[in-house]
Amino acid sequence: MNMISRVITKQQGATLAVTLILLFVVSLLGVSAMHVTQMQEKMSSNLQDKELSFNAAESALMAGEEWLLGLTTQPPVVTTCSSFPCVQTVFQNTDITTQDSSWWVSNAAAYNNNLENINTSPRYIIEFLEFIPDSQVIGDSSIKSTGVFYYQITARGTGASDDSVSILQTTLGRRF
């Protein structure tokens, strides 16, 4: 009988060691799965924030287009806006896509409609690019030349945080 009890004792010790190793492995898998889930949640949140900023910029871009399309006469082109919206000359020495939010607040028109889950109101700038006449014939200056006026509209939107920024740009041709 004594021999049987010694064999059982040895097996119980081995079972305990195997069980502890398996518990350790399962715990590592659980912690690893938890880290993966947290990373996926962060990625999902960042993607949603970027989508919000894109939609905000797109709304501001459409507001600039609608303002230009709603005009019956050609708007004056100014170098500095005193009231927004307005049409400005092209920013020659400034890359407006790299400017921070304070620059956009002082130089761009705000999109005034309420957007849900947006931290900062999106903004847009309308720049006059060029006028292309329908005819290249140079003639009497008293005759009003017809053609297409081209404008560049640039919009900047943020998402639920100001860390997510989208900048969109379009060119609009318009006859007056």
C-alpha atoms as a PDB file:
ATOM      1  CA  MET A   1       0.000   0.000   0.000  1.00  0.00           C
ATOM      2  CA  ASN A   2       2.844   2.244   0.769  1.00  0.00           C
ATOM      3  CA  MET A   3       4.060   2.146  -2.838  1.00  0.00           C
ATOM      4  CA  ILE A   4       0.657   3.155  -4.221  1.00  0.00           C
ATOM      5  CA  SER A   5       0.431   6.216  -2.001  1.00  0.00           C
ATOM      6  CA  ARG A   6       3.893   7.415  -3.116  1.00  0.00           C
ATOM      7  CA  VAL A   7       2.910   7.201  -6.800  1.00  0.00           C
ATOM      8  CA  ILE A   8      -0.255   9.200  -6.199  1.00  0.00           C
ATOM      9  CA  THR A   9       1.669  11.879  -4.300  1.00  0.00           C
ATOM     10  CA  LYS A  10       4.122  12.304  -7.175  1.00  0.00           C
ATOM     11  CA  GLN A  11       1.292  12.581  -9.670  1.00  0.00           C
ATOM     12  CA  GLN A  12      -0.477  15.238  -7.624  1.00  0.00           C
ATOM     13  CA  GLY A  13       2.666  17.407  -7.626  1.00  0.00           C
ATOM     14  CA  ALA A  14       3.053  17.076 -11.400  1.00  0.00           C
ATOM     15  CA  THR A  15      -0.606  17.909 -11.908  1.00  0.00           C
ATOM     16  CA  LEU A  16      -0.233  21.062  -9.837  1.00  0.00           C
ATOM     17  CA  ALA A  17       2.794  22.185 -11.856  1.00  0.00           C
ATOM     18  CA  VAL A  18       1.058  21.518 -15.196  1.00  0.00           C
ATOM     19  CA  THR A  19      -2.071  23.313 -14.004  1.00  0.00           C
ATOM     20  CA  LEU A  20      -0.057  26.361 -12.909  1.00  0.00           C
ATOM     21  CA  ILE A  21       1.743  26.472 -16.275  1.00  0.00           C
ATOM     22  CA  LEU A  22      -1.579  26.220 -18.141  1.00  0.00           C
ATOM     23  CA  LEU A  23      -3.078  28.938 -15.918  1.00  0.00           C
ATOM     24  CA  PHE A  24      -0.095  31.172 -16.677  1.00  0.00           C
ATOM     25  CA  VAL A  25      -0.456  30.578 -20.441  1.00  0.00           C
ATOM     26  CA  VAL A  26      -4.210  31.253 -20.354  1.00  0.00           C
ATOM     27  CA  SER A  27      -3.589  34.439 -18.312  1.00  0.00           C
ATOM     28  CA  LEU A  28      -1.044  35.624 -20.904  1.00  0.00           C
ATOM     29  CA  LEU A  29      -3.548  34.957 -23.692  1.00  0.00           C
ATOM     30  CA  GLY A  30      -6.224  36.873 -21.782  1.00  0.00           C
ATOM     31  CA  VAL A  31      -3.981  39.896 -21.180  1.00  0.00           C
ATOM     32  CA  SER A  32      -2.865  39.836 -24.823  1.00  0.00           C
ATOM     33  CA  ALA A  33      -6.470  39.690 -26.041  1.00  0.00           C
ATOM     34  CA  MET A  34      -7.349  42.603 -23.753  1.00  0.00           C
ATOM     35  CA  HIS A  35      -4.512  44.708 -25.226  1.00  0.00           C
ATOM     36  CA  VAL A  36      -5.654  43.901 -28.766  1.00  0.00           C
ATOM     37  CA  THR A  37      -9.224  44.908 -27.902  1.00  0.00           C
ATOM     38  CA  GLN A  38      -8.052  48.195 -26.399  1.00  0.00           C
ATOM     39  CA  MET A  39      -6.000  48.947 -29.509  1.00  0.00           C
ATOM     40  CA  GLN A  40      -8.980  48.206 -31.757  1.00  0.00           C
ATOM     41  CA  GLU A  41     -11.166  50.538 -29.677  1.00  0.00           C
ATOM     42  CA  LYS A  42      -8.602  53.338 -29.986  1.00  0.00           C
ATOM     43  CA  MET A  43      -8.339  52.808 -33.739  1.00  0.00           C
ATOM     44  CA  SER A  44     -12.118  52.825 -34.072  1.00  0.00           C
ATOM     45  CA  SER A  45     -12.391  56.028 -32.036  1.00  0.00           C
ATOM     46  CA  ASN A  46      -9.679  57.737 -34.100  1.00  0.00           C
ATOM     47  CA  LEU A  47     -11.348  56.668 -37.333  1.00  0.00           C
ATOM     48  CA  GLN A  48     -14.679  58.064 -36.142  1.00  0.00           C
ATOM     49  CA  ASP A  49     -12.996  61.333 -35.130  1.00  0.00           C
ATOM     50  CA  LYS A  50     -11.329  61.632 -38.547  1.00  0.00           C
ATOM     51  CA  GLU A  51     -14.649  60.975 -40.269  1.00  0.00           C
ATOM     52  CA  LEU A  52     -16.280  63.729 -38.196  1.00  0.00           C
ATOM     53  CA  SER A  53     -13.539  66.176 -39.189  1.00  0.00           C
ATOM     54  CA  PHE A  54     -13.907  65.220 -42.855  1.00  0.00           C
ATOM     55  CA  ASN A  55     -17.675  65.742 -42.736  1.00  0.00           C
ATOM     56  CA  ALA A  56     -17.215  69.099 -40.991  1.00  0.00           C
ATOM     57  CA  ALA A  57     -14.745  70.266 -43.661  1.00  0.00           C
ATOM     58  CA  GLU A  58     -17.056  69.032 -46.405  1.00  0.00           C
ATOM     59  CA  SER A  59     -19.963  71.007 -44.893  1.00  0.00           C
ATOM     60  CA  ALA A  60     -17.864  74.181 -44.830  1.00  0.00           C
ATOM     61  CA  LEU A  61     -16.707  73.548 -48.395  1.00  0.00           C
ATOM     62  CA  MET A  62     -20.306  73.230 -49.565  1.00  0.00           C
ATOM     63  CA  ALA A  63     -21.224  76.439 -47.686  1.00  0.00           C
ATOM     64  CA  GLY A  64     -18.532  78.316 -49.621  1.00  0.00           C
ATOM     65  CA  GLU A  65     -19.743  76.865 -52.910  1.00  0.00           C
ATOM     66  CA  GLU A  66     -23.369  77.729 -52.120  1.00  0.00           C
ATOM     67  CA  TRP A  67     -22.409  81.292 -51.189  1.00  0.00           C
ATOM     68  CA  LEU A  68     -20.596  81.777 -54.523  1.00  0.00           C
ATOM     69  CA  LEU A  69     -23.373  80.137 -56.529  1.00  0.00           C
ATOM     70  CA  GLY A  70     -25.992  82.301 -54.801  1.00  0.00           C
ATOM     71  CA  LEU A  71     -24.415  85.575 -55.954  1.00  0.00           C
ATOM     72  CA  THR A  72     -25.908  87.408 -58.924  1.00  0.00           C
ATOM     73  CA  THR A  73     -22.891  89.640 -59.575  1.00  0.00           C
ATOM     74  CA  GLN A  74     -19.179  89.052 -59.335  1.00  0.00           C
ATOM     75  CA  PRO A  75     -17.987  89.661 -55.769  1.00  0.00           C
ATOM     76  CA  PRO A  76     -15.142  92.104 -55.182  1.00  0.00           C
ATOM     77  CA  VAL A  77     -11.735  90.560 -54.616  1.00  0.00           C
ATOM     78  CA  VAL A  78      -9.960  91.856 -51.507  1.00  0.00           C
ATOM     79  CA  THR A  79      -6.566  91.210 -49.953  1.00  0.00           C
ATOM     80  CA  THR A  80      -7.901  91.079 -46.388  1.00  0.00           C
ATOM     81  CA  CYS A  81     -11.462  90.293 -45.355  1.00  0.00           C
ATOM     82  CA  SER A  82     -13.155  92.633 -42.932  1.00  0.00           C
ATOM     83  CA  SER A  83     -16.353  90.583 -42.876  1.00  0.00           C
ATOM     84  CA  PHE A  84     -16.878  87.007 -43.937  1.00  0.00           C
ATOM     85  CA  PRO A  85     -17.583  85.408 -46.338  1.00  0.00           C
ATOM     86  CA  CYS A  86     -15.587  87.270 -48.942  1.00  0.00           C
ATOM     87  CA  VAL A  87     -13.351  86.524 -51.907  1.00  0.00           C
ATOM     88  CA  GLN A  88      -9.659  87.032 -51.301  1.00  0.00           C
ATOM     89  CA  THR A  89      -6.644  87.113 -53.525  1.00  0.00           C
ATOM     90  CA  VAL A  90      -4.604  83.921 -53.551  1.00  0.00           C
ATOM     91  CA  PHE A  91      -2.310  83.584 -50.542  1.00  0.00           C
ATOM     92  CA  GLN A  92       1.015  83.692 -52.394  1.00  0.00           C
ATOM     93  CA  ASN A  93       3.485  83.177 -49.555  1.00  0.00           C
ATOM     94  CA  THR A  94       1.296  81.203 -47.168  1.00  0.00           C
ATOM     95  CA  ASP A  95       0.482  77.526 -47.375  1.00  0.00           C
ATOM     96  CA  ILE A  96      -2.978  77.671 -45.844  1.00  0.00           C
ATOM     97  CA  THR A  97      -3.156  73.899 -45.479  1.00  0.00           C
ATOM     98  CA  THR A  98      -0.411  73.945 -42.824  1.00  0.00           C
ATOM     99  CA  GLN A  99      -1.768  76.815 -40.718  1.00  0.00           C
ATOM    100  CA  ASP A 100      -3.027  76.311 -37.159  1.00  0.00           C
ATOM    101  CA  SER A 101      -6.521  76.963 -35.858  1.00  0.00           C
ATOM    102  CA  SER A 102      -5.791  80.531 -34.686  1.00  0.00           C
ATOM    103  CA  TRP A 103      -4.761  81.505 -38.231  1.00  0.00           C
ATOM    104  CA  TRP A 104      -7.979  79.999 -39.603  1.00  0.00           C
ATOM    105  CA  VAL A 105     -10.095  81.863 -37.017  1.00  0.00           C
ATOM    106  CA  SER A 106      -8.684  85.223 -38.087  1.00  0.00           C
ATOM    107  CA  ASN A 107      -8.550  84.597 -41.868  1.00  0.00           C
ATOM    108  CA  ALA A 108     -11.513  82.375 -42.759  1.00  0.00           C
ATOM    109  CA  ALA A 109     -15.295  82.353 -42.648  1.00  0.00           C
ATOM    110  CA  ALA A 110     -17.007  80.156 -40.078  1.00  0.00           C
ATOM    111  CA  TYR A 111     -19.607  77.575 -41.005  1.00  0.00           C
ATOM    112  CA  ASN A 112     -22.462  78.688 -38.767  1.00  0.00           C
ATOM    113  CA  ASN A 113     -24.761  75.676 -38.871  1.00  0.00           C
ATOM    114  CA  ASN A 114     -24.718  73.455 -35.822  1.00  0.00           C
ATOM    115  CA  LEU A 115     -22.844  70.173 -36.322  1.00  0.00           C
ATOM    116  CA  GLU A 116     -23.158  67.442 -33.714  1.00  0.00           C
ATOM    117  CA  ASN A 117     -20.050  66.096 -31.934  1.00  0.00           C
ATOM    118  CA  ILE A 118     -17.781  68.745 -33.475  1.00  0.00           C
ATOM    119  CA  ASN A 119     -15.429  70.553 -31.103  1.00  0.00           C
ATOM    120  CA  THR A 120     -14.661  73.632 -33.239  1.00  0.00           C
ATOM    121  CA  SER A 121     -16.753  75.161 -36.005  1.00  0.00           C
ATOM    122  CA  PRO A 122     -15.313  74.417 -39.462  1.00  0.00           C
ATOM    123  CA  ARG A 123     -14.011  77.325 -41.548  1.00  0.00           C
ATOM    124  CA  TYR A 124     -13.511  78.090 -45.233  1.00  0.00           C
ATOM    125  CA  ILE A 125     -11.594  80.496 -47.457  1.00  0.00           C
ATOM    126  CA  ILE A 126     -12.572  81.556 -50.967  1.00  0.00           C
ATOM    127  CA  GLU A 127      -9.724  82.689 -53.214  1.00  0.00           C
ATOM    128  CA  PHE A 128     -10.013  84.185 -56.686  1.00  0.00           C
ATOM    129  CA  LEU A 129      -7.837  82.270 -59.149  1.00  0.00           C
ATOM    130  CA  GLU A 130      -8.452  83.738 -62.589  1.00  0.00           C
ATOM    131  CA  PHE A 131     -10.890  84.887 -65.256  1.00  0.00           C
ATOM    132  CA  ILE A 132     -10.836  83.034 -68.568  1.00  0.00           C
ATOM    133  CA  PRO A 133     -12.733  84.843 -71.348  1.00  0.00           C
ATOM    134  CA  ASP A 134     -14.825  82.892 -73.805  1.00  0.00           C
ATOM    135  CA  SER A 135     -12.996  84.492 -76.726  1.00  0.00           C
ATOM    136  CA  GLN A 136      -9.275  85.090 -76.974  1.00  0.00           C
ATOM    137  CA  VAL A 137      -9.870  87.940 -79.467  1.00  0.00           C
ATOM    138  CA  ILE A 138      -8.607  91.259 -78.170  1.00  0.00           C
ATOM    139  CA  GLY A 139     -11.021  93.914 -79.221  1.00  0.00           C
ATOM    140  CA  ASP A 140     -12.881  96.980 -78.096  1.00  0.00           C
ATOM    141  CA  SER A 141     -12.538  97.459 -74.318  1.00  0.00           C
ATOM    142  CA  SER A 142     -16.039  98.925 -74.086  1.00  0.00           C
ATOM    143  CA  ILE A 143     -17.497  95.499 -74.868  1.00  0.00           C
ATOM    144  CA  LYS A 144     -17.968  93.465 -71.716  1.00  0.00           C
ATOM    145  CA  SER A 145     -16.031  90.242 -71.979  1.00  0.00           C
ATOM    146  CA  THR A 146     -17.882  87.080 -71.041  1.00  0.00           C
ATOM    147  CA  GLY A 147     -16.174  84.100 -69.543  1.00  0.00           C
ATOM    148  CA  VAL A 148     -15.663  81.978 -66.487  1.00  0.00           C
ATOM    149  CA  PHE A 149     -14.390  83.198 -63.122  1.00  0.00           C
ATOM    150  CA  TYR A 150     -12.467  80.516 -61.230  1.00  0.00           C
ATOM    151  CA  TYR A 151     -12.357  80.346 -57.455  1.00  0.00           C
ATOM    152  CA  GLN A 152     -10.537  78.029 -55.087  1.00  0.00           C
ATOM    153  CA  ILE A 153     -12.372  77.113 -51.897  1.00  0.00           C
ATOM    154  CA  THR A 154     -10.410  75.588 -49.022  1.00  0.00           C
ATOM    155  CA  ALA A 155     -12.130  74.265 -45.903  1.00  0.00           C
ATOM    156  CA  ARG A 156     -10.752  73.089 -42.559  1.00  0.00           C
ATOM    157  CA  GLY A 157     -12.751  70.933 -40.168  1.00  0.00           C
ATOM    158  CA  THR A 158     -12.057  69.278 -36.850  1.00  0.00           C
ATOM    159  CA  GLY A 159     -13.687  66.300 -35.221  1.00  0.00           C
ATOM    160  CA  ALA A 160     -14.698  65.654 -31.635  1.00  0.00           C
ATOM    161  CA  SER A 161     -11.200  66.829 -30.673  1.00  0.00           C
ATOM    162  CA  ASP A 162      -9.031  69.469 -32.297  1.00  0.00           C
ATOM    163  CA  ASP A 163      -6.345  66.835 -32.853  1.00  0.00           C
ATOM    164  CA  SER A 164      -8.216  65.425 -35.839  1.00  0.00           C
ATOM    165  CA  VAL A 165      -8.050  67.887 -38.749  1.00  0.00           C
ATOM    166  CA  SER A 166      -9.255  67.520 -42.339  1.00  0.00           C
ATOM    167  CA  ILE A 167      -8.543  70.067 -45.061  1.00  0.00           C
ATOM    168  CA  LEU A 168     -10.453  69.894 -48.330  1.00  0.00           C
ATOM    169  CA  GLN A 169     -10.050  72.023 -51.427  1.00  0.00           C
ATOM    170  CA  THR A 170     -12.069  72.479 -54.586  1.00  0.00           C
ATOM    171  CA  THR A 171     -12.098  74.734 -57.627  1.00  0.00           C
ATOM    172  CA  LEU A 172     -15.348  76.295 -58.775  1.00  0.00           C
ATOM    173  CA  GLY A 173     -15.953  77.931 -62.131  1.00  0.00           C
ATOM    174  CA  ARG A 174     -18.755  80.498 -62.285  1.00  0.00           C
ATOM    175  CA  ARG A 175     -20.245  82.835 -64.881  1.00  0.00           C
ATOM    176  CA  PHE A 176     -21.762  86.163 -63.842  1.00  0.00           C
END
